[in-house]
Amino acid sequence: MVRHSLPRVKSLVAKVGSGTLTDPAGHFDRHNCNRLGAELAEAARTRRVVLVTSGAIALGADKLGLVRSRARPWDIATKQACAAVGQPHLVAAWGDALAPHGVKVAQVLLTAEDLASRKRFLNARRTFARLLELGVLPVVNENDTVAVAEIQVGDNDSLAALVATCVEAELVAMLTDVEGMYDRHPSAAGAQLITEVGRVTAEVERMAGGAGSDRSVGGMTTKVRAAKRLAAQGIGTALLSGRRPGALADLLAGAQVGTFFPPEPERLKGRKGWLASATKGKGVIAVDAGARKALVEHGRSLLPSGVRAVAGHFGVGDPVDIAVEGQRPFARGLAGYGADEMRRIAGLKTSEIERALGYKYLDEIVHRNDMVLLEAGPE
């Protein structure tokens, strides 16, 4: 059966999870890594391929003899130590898996914060482009050794979404330890595989459930949320088994495997695409219901009069989230004022900005041309 909604794929981001790279005992599964390497090399013959890989912490734990440790969950320092040990072994394993097929690899260590900076985002885009021009397959891993927040979230799924935006991919293939997304926990009686999710709603997010295996700090929820962000940018997402031989090739050939999240018809491009892809802003602006209505329903800019509180530390031009207090962000934009300045003018009319600060840059806290709606509802 052919999935007609799968876009033509010239550029692919493949994300491989920890559960796909470890056996049931928690040890690194070199056989599966080598098999996936062969499939990625085959895909790279006719398209641009970037690999986002988890597994550094799990591989480091294996090398340090901590796999069977009963002292779980580990503290952050232990996870960072495992990541530091595991990262060189992980990229070496992918190099060994791809080398027999004539494919060279390059290690790229990133955090979500790296790509939250527009300047660093564009630098990363140029680096990826040059590596791919040279026939090199970039192997991207989250820089877990220093990225405390990212380790806690376990969000290489979101990192894959960020990378997909960076390289302008048409598809993200998330290779997991299950066949795709089910209507209930896969182990539950009568669980049915969902072959296609037309749109990620709050009900779909609830259906996604909780965590994955004990060696993976991510889960189905992070994958579904990443798919939602990707769809808004015109990028499709497929969840499929990283254990089933040929699953990736079948997907790219148009077969109905796993779960597919089709892209929205209109893709957010340029600066707005980058804003939508970021996992979070550098701060949060809490607004009242009237400001939310003005932004969402009337497409207006955010003025200081609608601001109720400001959290975080950010400067002019940094990405910031916009939310009604107690709810998930519904928009993200570029700050027209720094965090301390915003706190001083929150709730004021535009005519009062200069008196409060002694100067005025703009009437707007966030201009509508520098804003993208995230379509998020209450928690």
Protein backbone atom coordinates (compact mmCIF):
# COMPACT_ATOMS: atom_id res chain seq x y z
CA MET A 1 0.00 0.00 0.00
CA VAL A 2 1.48 3.35 -1.05
CA ARG A 3 1.31 6.44 1.15
CA HIS A 4 0.50 9.18 -1.35
CA SER A 5 1.03 12.04 1.13
CA LEU A 6 4.75 11.31 1.58
CA PRO A 7 6.66 14.20 -0.03
CA ARG A 8 9.44 13.70 -2.54
CA VAL A 9 12.51 13.45 -0.34
CA LYS A 10 15.71 15.10 -1.51
CA SER A 11 16.97 15.89 1.98
CA LEU A 12 16.43 13.58 4.97
CA VAL A 13 17.17 13.77 8.68
CA ALA A 14 17.27 10.33 10.32
CA LYS A 15 17.04 10.24 14.10
CA VAL A 16 18.12 7.03 15.85
CA GLY A 17 17.08 6.54 19.47
CA SER A 18 18.95 4.90 22.33
CA GLY A 19 16.55 1.96 22.46
CA THR A 20 17.42 1.15 18.84
CA LEU A 21 21.15 1.07 19.60
CA THR A 22 21.05 -1.06 22.74
CA ASP A 23 20.02 -4.66 23.36
CA PRO A 24 17.50 -5.70 26.06
CA ALA A 25 20.34 -5.91 28.62
CA GLY A 26 21.39 -2.32 27.90
CA HIS A 27 24.60 -3.08 26.00
CA PHE A 28 25.47 -1.38 22.72
CA ASP A 29 24.04 -3.32 19.75
CA ARG A 30 26.81 -3.08 17.16
CA HIS A 31 25.03 -5.44 14.76
CA ASN A 32 21.97 -3.18 14.53
CA CYS A 33 24.18 -0.09 14.24
CA ASN A 34 26.03 -1.69 11.29
CA ARG A 35 22.75 -2.66 9.61
CA LEU A 36 21.37 0.85 9.99
CA GLY A 37 24.65 2.24 8.67
CA ALA A 38 24.19 0.23 5.48
CA GLU A 39 20.62 1.50 5.08
CA LEU A 40 21.63 5.11 5.69
CA ALA A 41 24.46 4.78 3.16
CA GLU A 42 21.99 3.46 0.58
CA ALA A 43 19.64 6.40 1.25
CA ALA A 44 22.57 8.82 0.92
CA ARG A 45 23.30 7.65 -2.63
CA THR A 46 20.36 9.62 -4.00
CA ARG A 47 19.66 12.28 -1.37
CA ARG A 48 21.23 14.42 1.34
CA VAL A 49 21.20 12.60 4.68
CA VAL A 50 21.96 13.90 8.15
CA LEU A 51 21.95 11.55 11.14
CA VAL A 52 20.89 12.69 14.63
CA THR A 53 21.86 9.99 17.08
CA SER A 54 21.11 9.32 20.71
CA GLY A 55 23.03 6.71 22.64
CA ALA A 56 26.06 8.53 24.07
CA ILE A 57 24.86 8.18 27.66
CA ALA A 58 23.83 4.56 27.18
CA LEU A 59 27.10 3.67 25.46
CA GLY A 60 29.14 5.47 28.12
CA ALA A 61 27.27 3.62 30.86
CA ASP A 62 28.08 0.36 29.08
CA LYS A 63 31.78 1.26 28.85
CA LEU A 64 31.88 2.26 32.54
CA GLY A 65 30.14 -0.89 33.70
CA LEU A 66 27.11 1.01 34.97
CA VAL A 67 24.48 -0.69 32.83
CA ARG A 68 23.43 -3.02 35.60
CA SER A 69 23.78 -0.37 38.31
CA ARG A 70 20.79 -0.26 40.62
CA ALA A 71 21.49 3.38 41.45
CA ARG A 72 19.01 4.66 38.85
CA PRO A 73 17.94 7.28 38.05
CA TRP A 74 21.44 8.72 37.91
CA ASP A 75 22.21 12.28 38.86
CA ILE A 76 23.10 14.86 36.21
CA ALA A 77 26.86 14.60 36.83
CA THR A 78 26.77 10.82 36.25
CA LYS A 79 24.82 11.28 33.02
CA GLN A 80 27.31 13.90 31.86
CA ALA A 81 30.22 11.60 32.70
CA CYS A 82 28.61 8.76 30.74
CA ALA A 83 28.01 11.12 27.80
CA ALA A 84 31.65 12.26 27.85
CA VAL A 85 32.84 8.64 27.73
CA GLY A 86 30.23 7.52 25.22
CA GLN A 87 30.42 10.32 22.61
CA PRO A 88 33.75 9.33 20.96
CA HIS A 89 32.75 5.66 20.95
CA LEU A 90 29.36 6.53 19.43
CA VAL A 91 30.73 8.53 16.50
CA ALA A 92 33.41 5.84 15.98
CA ALA A 93 30.71 3.17 15.82
CA TRP A 94 28.82 5.12 13.13
CA GLY A 95 32.07 5.70 11.26
CA ASP A 96 32.76 1.95 11.30
CA ALA A 97 29.18 1.22 10.18
CA LEU A 98 29.32 3.59 7.20
CA ALA A 99 32.95 3.22 6.08
CA PRO A 100 32.43 -0.14 4.28
CA HIS A 101 29.92 1.65 2.04
CA GLY A 102 32.30 4.45 1.13
CA VAL A 103 30.66 7.06 3.36
CA LYS A 104 32.71 9.39 5.58
CA VAL A 105 31.23 10.87 8.75
CA ALA A 106 31.70 14.10 10.68
CA GLN A 107 30.74 14.60 14.30
CA VAL A 108 28.60 17.67 15.01
CA LEU A 109 27.87 18.40 18.68
CA LEU A 110 24.94 20.77 19.22
CA THR A 111 22.50 21.92 21.84
CA ALA A 112 19.11 23.49 21.32
CA GLU A 113 20.62 26.72 22.62
CA ASP A 114 23.19 26.70 19.80
CA LEU A 115 20.41 26.87 17.24
CA ALA A 116 18.35 29.39 19.24
CA SER A 117 20.89 32.00 18.16
CA ARG A 118 20.09 33.18 14.63
CA LYS A 119 23.79 33.81 13.91
CA ARG A 120 24.87 30.35 15.10
CA PHE A 121 21.92 28.79 13.28
CA LEU A 122 23.12 30.29 9.98
CA ASN A 123 26.72 29.24 10.71
CA ALA A 124 25.52 25.68 11.35
CA ARG A 125 23.53 25.74 8.09
CA ARG A 126 26.64 26.69 6.11
CA THR A 127 28.68 23.96 7.81
CA PHE A 128 26.07 21.29 7.11
CA ALA A 129 25.80 22.41 3.48
CA ARG A 130 29.55 22.19 2.94
CA LEU A 131 29.84 18.78 4.60
CA LEU A 132 27.06 17.42 2.40
CA GLU A 133 28.68 18.95 -0.72
CA LEU A 134 31.84 17.05 0.20
CA GLY A 135 29.93 13.78 0.41
CA VAL A 136 30.22 13.59 4.19
CA LEU A 137 27.34 12.32 6.34
CA PRO A 138 27.03 14.56 9.45
CA VAL A 139 26.47 12.63 12.67
CA VAL A 140 24.76 14.99 15.11
CA ASN A 141 24.59 14.39 18.83
CA GLU A 142 23.35 16.58 21.59
CA ASN A 143 26.26 17.99 23.59
CA ASP A 144 25.10 16.24 26.76
CA THR A 145 28.35 16.90 28.61
CA VAL A 146 27.45 20.58 29.03
CA ALA A 147 23.72 20.74 28.19
CA VAL A 148 22.15 20.16 31.60
CA ALA A 149 18.65 21.24 30.58
CA GLU A 150 18.74 19.10 27.44
CA ILE A 151 19.70 15.99 29.41
CA GLN A 152 16.76 16.53 31.76
CA VAL A 153 14.35 16.88 28.83
CA GLY A 154 15.91 14.05 26.81
CA ASP A 155 15.00 15.88 23.66
CA ASN A 156 17.12 14.65 20.77
CA ASP A 157 13.73 14.46 19.03
CA SER A 158 13.48 18.24 19.20
CA LEU A 159 17.13 18.51 18.20
CA ALA A 160 16.30 16.47 15.08
CA ALA A 161 13.53 18.98 14.31
CA LEU A 162 15.96 21.87 14.72
CA VAL A 163 18.49 20.19 12.42
CA ALA A 164 15.79 19.49 9.83
CA THR A 165 14.95 23.18 9.73
CA CYS A 166 18.63 24.03 9.50
CA VAL A 167 19.26 21.78 6.47
CA GLU A 168 15.80 22.42 4.92
CA ALA A 169 14.87 18.73 4.92
CA GLU A 170 11.58 17.44 3.54
CA LEU A 171 11.37 14.51 5.97
CA VAL A 172 12.49 13.46 9.45
CA ALA A 173 12.56 9.69 9.95
CA MET A 174 12.59 8.81 13.66
CA LEU A 175 13.87 5.24 14.03
CA THR A 176 12.61 3.90 17.35
CA ASP A 177 12.29 0.63 19.25
CA VAL A 178 8.58 0.36 18.34
CA GLU A 179 6.78 0.20 14.98
CA GLY A 180 5.26 3.66 15.31
CA MET A 181 2.56 5.41 17.35
CA TYR A 182 -0.27 3.31 18.75
CA ASP A 183 -3.73 4.26 19.98
CA ARG A 184 -2.64 3.05 23.44
CA HIS A 185 0.51 1.62 25.01
CA PRO A 186 1.99 -0.87 22.49
CA SER A 187 1.99 -3.66 25.08
CA ALA A 188 -1.71 -3.19 25.89
CA ALA A 189 -4.21 -5.71 24.58
CA GLY A 190 -5.78 -4.62 21.31
CA ALA A 191 -3.30 -1.79 20.66
CA GLN A 192 -3.55 -0.59 17.05
CA LEU A 193 -0.83 1.10 15.02
CA ILE A 194 -1.87 4.54 13.73
CA THR A 195 -0.60 4.75 10.16
CA GLU A 196 -1.15 8.48 9.65
CA VAL A 197 -1.87 11.48 11.90
CA GLY A 198 -3.32 14.29 9.83
CA ARG A 199 -2.84 16.92 12.51
CA VAL A 200 -1.39 16.88 16.02
CA THR A 201 -4.16 17.91 18.41
CA ALA A 202 -4.26 17.95 22.21
CA GLU A 203 -5.97 14.53 22.05
CA VAL A 204 -3.14 13.13 19.92
CA GLU A 205 -0.58 14.47 22.41
CA ARG A 206 -2.43 12.79 25.28
CA MET A 207 -2.55 9.55 23.32
CA ALA A 208 1.22 9.68 22.87
CA GLY A 209 1.61 8.78 26.53
CA GLY A 210 4.86 8.68 28.50
CA ALA A 211 8.45 7.56 28.42
CA GLY A 212 10.24 5.01 26.30
CA SER A 213 12.72 2.44 27.55
CA ASP A 214 14.78 2.98 30.71
CA ARG A 215 17.85 3.72 28.56
CA SER A 216 16.06 6.47 26.67
CA VAL A 217 15.25 9.74 28.40
CA GLY A 218 12.81 10.65 25.64
CA GLY A 219 9.44 9.11 24.75
CA MET A 220 6.58 9.23 22.28
CA THR A 221 5.40 12.60 23.58
CA THR A 222 8.59 14.40 22.53
CA LYS A 223 8.37 12.79 19.09
CA VAL A 224 4.78 13.90 18.56
CA ARG A 225 5.54 17.45 19.68
CA ALA A 226 8.54 17.57 17.36
CA ALA A 227 6.30 16.33 14.52
CA LYS A 228 3.85 19.15 15.27
CA ARG A 229 6.58 21.79 14.98
CA LEU A 230 7.92 20.20 11.81
CA ALA A 231 4.49 20.08 10.15
CA ALA A 232 4.14 23.85 10.59
CA GLN A 233 7.40 24.26 8.70
CA GLY A 234 6.32 22.05 5.80
CA ILE A 235 8.37 19.05 6.92
CA GLY A 236 6.94 15.54 7.22
CA THR A 237 7.76 13.18 10.09
CA ALA A 238 7.75 9.39 10.09
CA LEU A 239 7.99 7.18 13.18
CA LEU A 240 9.15 3.68 12.32
CA SER A 241 11.01 0.72 13.71
CA GLY A 242 14.79 0.93 13.78
CA ARG A 243 14.80 -2.81 14.42
CA ARG A 244 13.00 -3.96 11.30
CA PRO A 245 15.38 -4.50 8.36
CA GLY A 246 14.47 -2.39 5.33
CA ALA A 247 11.97 -0.15 7.15
CA LEU A 248 13.73 3.06 6.08
CA ALA A 249 14.08 1.93 2.46
CA ASP A 250 10.41 0.91 2.40
CA LEU A 251 9.39 4.31 3.75
CA LEU A 252 11.41 6.18 1.13
CA ALA A 253 9.93 3.96 -1.58
CA GLY A 254 6.45 5.04 -0.49
CA ALA A 255 5.33 1.98 1.44
CA GLN A 256 2.97 2.47 4.37
CA VAL A 257 5.24 1.68 7.30
CA GLY A 258 5.18 3.17 10.78
CA THR A 259 3.27 6.37 11.50
CA PHE A 260 3.40 9.38 9.20
CA PHE A 261 2.73 13.02 10.14
CA PRO A 262 2.23 14.99 6.89
CA PRO A 263 3.44 18.58 6.57
CA GLU A 264 1.16 21.58 6.55
CA PRO A 265 0.47 22.86 3.00
CA GLU A 266 2.24 26.18 3.58
CA ARG A 267 5.76 26.13 4.96
CA LEU A 268 7.08 28.78 7.35
CA LYS A 269 10.29 30.04 5.82
CA GLY A 270 13.32 32.06 6.80
CA ARG A 271 13.27 33.80 10.15
CA LYS A 272 9.76 32.62 11.07
CA GLY A 273 10.67 29.02 10.27
CA TRP A 274 13.68 29.31 12.56
CA LEU A 275 11.54 30.81 15.34
CA ALA A 276 8.98 28.01 15.09
CA SER A 277 11.68 25.33 15.15
CA ALA A 278 13.30 26.52 18.39
CA THR A 279 12.45 24.32 21.37
CA LYS A 280 11.91 27.39 23.54
CA GLY A 281 12.74 31.06 23.77
CA LYS A 282 15.31 32.60 26.09
CA GLY A 283 12.54 33.99 28.26
CA VAL A 284 8.76 34.10 28.64
CA ILE A 285 6.47 37.13 28.36
CA ALA A 286 3.20 36.59 30.24
CA VAL A 287 0.31 38.50 28.66
CA ASP A 288 -3.37 38.98 29.39
CA ALA A 289 -6.24 37.41 27.46
CA GLY A 290 -6.85 40.63 25.51
CA ALA A 291 -3.28 40.69 24.22
CA ARG A 292 -3.53 37.03 23.21
CA LYS A 293 -6.70 37.76 21.24
CA ALA A 294 -5.06 40.73 19.51
CA LEU A 295 -2.07 38.60 18.48
CA VAL A 296 -3.88 35.40 17.52
CA GLU A 297 -7.14 36.67 16.01
CA HIS A 298 -6.12 40.06 14.63
CA GLY A 299 -2.44 39.55 13.75
CA ARG A 300 -1.26 42.54 15.78
CA SER A 301 2.05 43.30 17.45
CA LEU A 302 2.55 42.87 21.18
CA LEU A 303 2.43 46.19 23.03
CA PRO A 304 3.68 46.78 26.61
CA SER A 305 0.12 47.41 27.85
CA GLY A 306 -0.71 43.73 27.42
CA VAL A 307 2.33 42.43 29.34
CA ARG A 308 1.77 41.15 32.88
CA ALA A 309 5.15 39.59 33.75
CA VAL A 310 8.56 38.84 32.23
CA ALA A 311 10.70 35.80 33.06
CA GLY A 312 14.25 35.00 32.03
CA HIS A 313 17.31 36.92 30.88
CA PHE A 314 17.41 38.03 27.24
CA GLY A 315 18.50 40.94 25.11
CA VAL A 316 17.11 42.82 22.13
CA GLY A 317 16.66 40.45 19.18
CA ASP A 318 16.64 37.24 21.25
CA PRO A 319 13.78 34.74 20.76
CA VAL A 320 11.16 34.87 23.53
CA ASP A 321 8.02 32.84 24.19
CA ILE A 322 4.65 34.53 24.70
CA ALA A 323 2.02 32.91 26.91
CA VAL A 324 -1.01 33.62 29.03
CA GLU A 325 0.14 32.98 32.59
CA GLY A 326 -0.12 29.31 33.55
CA GLN A 327 -0.45 28.12 29.96
CA ARG A 328 1.91 26.82 27.32
CA PRO A 329 3.34 29.45 24.92
CA PHE A 330 1.07 30.31 22.02
CA ALA A 331 3.61 32.47 20.14
CA ARG A 332 7.33 33.12 19.83
CA GLY A 333 9.03 36.28 18.62
CA LEU A 334 12.12 38.44 18.66
CA ALA A 335 12.35 40.76 21.65
CA GLY A 336 12.15 44.47 20.85
CA TYR A 337 13.52 45.29 24.32
CA GLY A 338 15.74 43.45 26.79
CA ALA A 339 14.24 41.58 29.76
CA ASP A 340 15.02 44.27 32.34
CA GLU A 341 13.62 46.98 30.07
CA MET A 342 10.44 44.97 29.52
CA ARG A 343 9.91 44.59 33.24
CA ARG A 344 10.08 48.36 33.66
CA ILE A 345 7.53 49.10 30.94
CA ALA A 346 5.18 46.12 31.45
CA GLY A 347 1.57 47.29 31.56
CA LEU A 348 2.36 50.80 30.32
CA LYS A 349 0.96 52.57 27.29
CA THR A 350 3.34 53.15 24.39
CA SER A 351 3.28 56.88 25.14
CA GLU A 352 4.74 56.12 28.59
CA ILE A 353 7.77 54.07 27.44
CA GLU A 354 10.16 57.00 27.06
CA ARG A 355 9.27 58.44 30.45
CA ALA A 356 9.89 55.06 32.13
CA LEU A 357 13.17 54.27 30.36
CA GLY A 358 14.48 57.68 29.37
CA TYR A 359 14.43 56.54 25.72
CA LYS A 360 12.30 54.49 23.33
CA TYR A 361 13.34 51.99 20.65
CA LEU A 362 9.90 50.96 19.38
CA ASP A 363 6.23 51.07 20.31
CA GLU A 364 6.12 47.26 20.17
CA ILE A 365 7.51 44.73 22.65
CA VAL A 366 7.45 42.16 19.81
CA HIS A 367 6.58 43.22 16.26
CA ARG A 368 4.14 41.05 14.31
CA ASN A 369 6.71 40.65 11.49
CA ASP A 370 9.08 39.06 14.03
CA MET A 371 6.51 36.68 15.52
CA VAL A 372 5.17 33.22 14.77
CA LEU A 373 2.11 31.57 16.31
CA LEU A 374 2.65 28.14 17.87
CA GLU A 375 -1.04 27.21 18.22
CA ALA A 376 -0.56 25.80 21.71
CA GLY A 377 -3.40 25.58 24.18
CA PRO A 378 -3.54 25.28 27.95
CA GLU A 379 -1.37 22.71 29.75
